[in-house]
Amino acid sequence: MTPLAIWLTGIPGSGKSTLAEEIGRRHPDFVVLRMDEFRKILTPEPTYSEEERDMAYRCIVYTAACLVENGHSVLIDATGHLRKWRDLARQLIPKYGEVYLRCPIELCMQRERERSETHGAPKEIYKKGEAGWPVPGISAPYEAPLNPELLIEADRTFIPEAVQRIEELIAQLQEDL
């Protein structure tokens, strides 16, 4: 299998980690890079400043590019709220696909309130955003992808269908040699 990278992007609560977990189960050879876990090592006491975020996202893109270059497929589970980071990944990684999980913020907020497993994400992120923390979609911009390889309407697409569509994208990226 030719190594590739897929970035799951969307605002917090859109379903990125749930889909990354399922794709990771189906493809145990993929390396799953979760920004929330990555950040714990890079910035153990995060401030979420623009400088810190820029460093964290550039590092995750570099890590993904190195893994792909060394023969590993990668799944990036990260909001990536600015296009420049996802564009950098597209520039550095030859086999790259972007999956945009578009979801109404009200549903994302509800999911975040109701979830028991955060996959390492900060708890009560939307409450923090309302209190002034820089949270994409609330108090920080989220620049939606302009031309993602795959758009999933996360409020209307059940997990099995979303997974199947991502599987089709993986197959398509493999065919485009």
Protein backbone atom coordinates (compact mmCIF):
# COMPACT_ATOMS: atom_id res chain seq x y z
CA MET A 1 0.00 0.00 0.00
CA THR A 2 1.34 3.41 -0.97
CA PRO A 3 1.57 5.59 2.16
CA LEU A 4 -0.88 8.46 2.37
CA ALA A 5 -2.25 10.98 4.84
CA ILE A 6 -5.84 11.93 5.55
CA TRP A 7 -6.73 14.93 7.69
CA LEU A 8 -10.08 14.82 9.49
CA THR A 9 -11.02 18.45 10.08
CA GLY A 10 -14.04 20.12 11.61
CA ILE A 11 -14.95 22.11 14.70
CA PRO A 12 -14.76 20.43 18.12
CA GLY A 13 -17.53 17.86 18.52
CA SER A 14 -17.99 17.27 14.78
CA GLY A 15 -16.95 13.61 15.06
CA LYS A 16 -13.27 13.61 14.09
CA SER A 17 -12.04 11.38 16.92
CA THR A 18 -14.93 8.93 16.61
CA LEU A 19 -14.19 8.44 12.92
CA ALA A 20 -10.41 8.33 13.50
CA GLU A 21 -10.94 5.58 16.04
CA GLU A 22 -13.04 3.51 13.64
CA ILE A 23 -10.71 4.00 10.67
CA GLY A 24 -7.76 3.16 12.93
CA ARG A 25 -9.48 -0.11 13.91
CA ARG A 26 -10.02 -1.02 10.28
CA HIS A 27 -6.51 0.03 9.30
CA PRO A 28 -4.18 -0.89 12.16
CA ASP A 29 -1.23 -0.02 9.89
CA PHE A 30 -2.25 3.67 9.93
CA VAL A 31 -0.59 5.97 12.45
CA VAL A 32 -3.27 8.12 14.08
CA LEU A 33 -1.99 11.56 15.08
CA ARG A 34 -4.40 13.19 17.52
CA MET A 35 -3.71 16.85 18.16
CA ASP A 36 -5.08 16.58 21.69
CA GLU A 37 -2.53 13.87 22.55
CA PHE A 38 0.24 15.59 20.58
CA ARG A 39 -0.36 18.84 22.46
CA LYS A 40 0.06 17.11 25.85
CA ILE A 41 3.70 16.46 24.97
CA LEU A 42 4.43 19.64 23.04
CA THR A 43 2.67 22.08 25.38
CA PRO A 44 1.78 20.35 28.68
CA GLU A 45 0.19 23.58 29.94
CA PRO A 46 -1.33 24.96 26.74
CA THR A 47 -2.24 28.60 26.36
CA TYR A 48 -3.81 28.09 22.91
CA SER A 49 -2.14 31.29 21.72
CA GLU A 50 -1.78 31.81 17.98
CA GLU A 51 1.99 31.24 18.23
CA GLU A 52 1.54 28.02 20.19
CA ARG A 53 -1.12 26.73 17.81
CA ASP A 54 1.01 27.57 14.79
CA MET A 55 3.93 25.63 16.29
CA ALA A 56 1.74 22.65 17.23
CA TYR A 57 0.09 22.40 13.81
CA ARG A 58 3.36 22.82 11.93
CA CYS A 59 4.85 20.05 14.10
CA ILE A 60 1.95 17.67 13.47
CA VAL A 61 2.18 18.32 9.72
CA TYR A 62 5.94 17.73 9.77
CA THR A 63 5.46 14.53 11.76
CA ALA A 64 2.84 13.30 9.30
CA ALA A 65 5.05 14.14 6.32
CA CYS A 66 8.01 12.27 7.86
CA LEU A 67 5.88 9.23 8.63
CA VAL A 68 4.49 9.12 5.08
CA GLU A 69 7.98 9.57 3.63
CA ASN A 70 9.09 6.58 5.72
CA GLY A 71 6.31 4.32 4.46
CA HIS A 72 3.52 4.82 7.01
CA SER A 73 -0.02 5.95 6.27
CA VAL A 74 -1.31 8.62 8.62
CA LEU A 75 -4.67 9.81 9.87
CA ILE A 76 -4.61 13.32 11.35
CA ASP A 77 -7.33 13.91 13.95
CA ALA A 78 -7.10 17.66 14.46
CA THR A 79 -9.37 20.67 14.07
CA GLY A 80 -6.77 22.52 11.99
CA HIS A 81 -8.93 25.61 12.10
CA LEU A 82 -6.71 27.61 9.74
CA ARG A 83 -6.39 26.58 6.10
CA LYS A 84 -2.68 27.40 6.03
CA TRP A 85 -1.87 24.30 8.10
CA ARG A 86 -3.93 21.96 5.97
CA ASP A 87 -2.46 23.59 2.84
CA LEU A 88 1.04 22.96 4.25
CA ALA A 89 0.16 19.26 4.65
CA ARG A 90 -1.12 19.17 1.07
CA GLN A 91 2.13 20.77 -0.11
CA LEU A 92 4.41 18.39 1.82
CA ILE A 93 2.54 15.08 1.46
CA PRO A 94 2.13 13.70 -2.08
CA LYS A 95 -0.83 11.38 -1.26
CA TYR A 96 -3.04 13.63 0.84
CA GLY A 97 -6.77 13.87 1.38
CA GLU A 98 -8.83 16.25 3.44
CA VAL A 99 -12.10 15.14 5.02
CA TYR A 100 -14.27 18.01 6.23
CA LEU A 101 -16.84 17.11 8.86
CA ARG A 102 -19.35 19.93 8.54
CA CYS A 103 -21.65 20.06 11.53
CA PRO A 104 -23.86 22.77 13.03
CA ILE A 105 -22.24 24.30 16.08
CA GLU A 106 -25.35 23.69 18.20
CA LEU A 107 -25.03 19.94 17.60
CA CYS A 108 -21.28 20.02 18.30
CA MET A 109 -21.97 21.83 21.57
CA GLN A 110 -24.60 19.24 22.51
CA ARG A 111 -22.27 16.35 21.67
CA GLU A 112 -19.48 17.91 23.70
CA ARG A 113 -21.80 18.31 26.73
CA GLU A 114 -23.03 14.71 26.49
CA ARG A 115 -19.84 12.81 25.69
CA SER A 116 -18.16 10.79 28.37
CA GLU A 117 -14.96 10.13 26.38
CA THR A 118 -13.14 13.21 25.13
CA HIS A 119 -10.26 11.40 23.37
CA GLY A 120 -7.91 13.72 25.23
CA ALA A 121 -9.71 16.94 24.29
CA PRO A 122 -10.22 19.57 26.96
CA LYS A 123 -13.52 19.12 28.79
CA GLU A 124 -16.25 21.74 28.50
CA ILE A 125 -14.46 23.37 25.59
CA TYR A 126 -17.49 25.36 24.46
CA LYS A 127 -18.10 26.75 27.95
CA LYS A 128 -14.47 27.83 27.94
CA GLY A 129 -14.97 29.41 24.51
CA GLU A 130 -17.91 31.40 25.80
CA ALA A 131 -15.68 32.54 28.69
CA GLY A 132 -13.07 33.85 26.26
CA TRP A 133 -10.81 30.88 25.47
CA PRO A 134 -9.90 30.80 21.75
CA VAL A 135 -12.21 27.98 20.63
CA PRO A 136 -12.70 27.47 16.87
CA GLY A 137 -16.25 28.27 15.88
CA ILE A 138 -16.88 30.36 19.01
CA SER A 139 -14.09 32.84 19.81
CA ALA A 140 -11.55 31.80 17.16
CA PRO A 141 -12.12 31.46 13.42
CA TYR A 142 -12.64 28.12 11.70
CA GLU A 143 -11.67 28.35 8.03
CA ALA A 144 -13.63 25.60 6.33
CA PRO A 145 -11.85 23.75 3.53
CA LEU A 146 -12.51 25.23 0.10
CA ASN A 147 -12.09 21.98 -1.85
CA PRO A 148 -11.89 18.98 0.48
CA GLU A 149 -11.55 15.58 -1.13
CA LEU A 150 -14.53 14.53 0.99
CA LEU A 151 -17.30 16.53 2.65
CA ILE A 152 -19.34 14.75 5.28
CA GLU A 153 -22.46 16.43 6.64
CA ALA A 154 -21.91 15.18 10.19
CA ASP A 155 -25.43 15.99 11.33
CA ARG A 156 -26.99 13.84 8.57
CA THR A 157 -24.47 11.05 8.08
CA PHE A 158 -24.34 8.05 10.37
CA ILE A 159 -20.94 6.68 11.38
CA PRO A 160 -21.06 3.53 9.15
CA GLU A 161 -21.77 5.64 6.05
CA ALA A 162 -19.07 8.18 6.94
CA VAL A 163 -16.56 5.37 7.48
CA GLN A 164 -17.50 3.81 4.13
CA ARG A 165 -16.99 7.13 2.36
CA ILE A 166 -13.56 7.54 3.98
CA GLU A 167 -12.71 3.97 2.93
CA GLU A 168 -13.60 4.95 -0.65
CA LEU A 169 -11.32 7.98 -0.38
CA ILE A 170 -8.47 5.76 0.85
CA ALA A 171 -9.02 3.45 -2.14
CA GLN A 172 -9.16 6.42 -4.53
CA LEU A 173 -5.90 7.86 -3.16
CA GLN A 174 -4.32 4.44 -3.61
CA GLU A 175 -5.44 4.26 -7.24
CA ASP A 176 -4.11 7.73 -8.11
CA LEU A 177 -0.51 6.61 -8.48
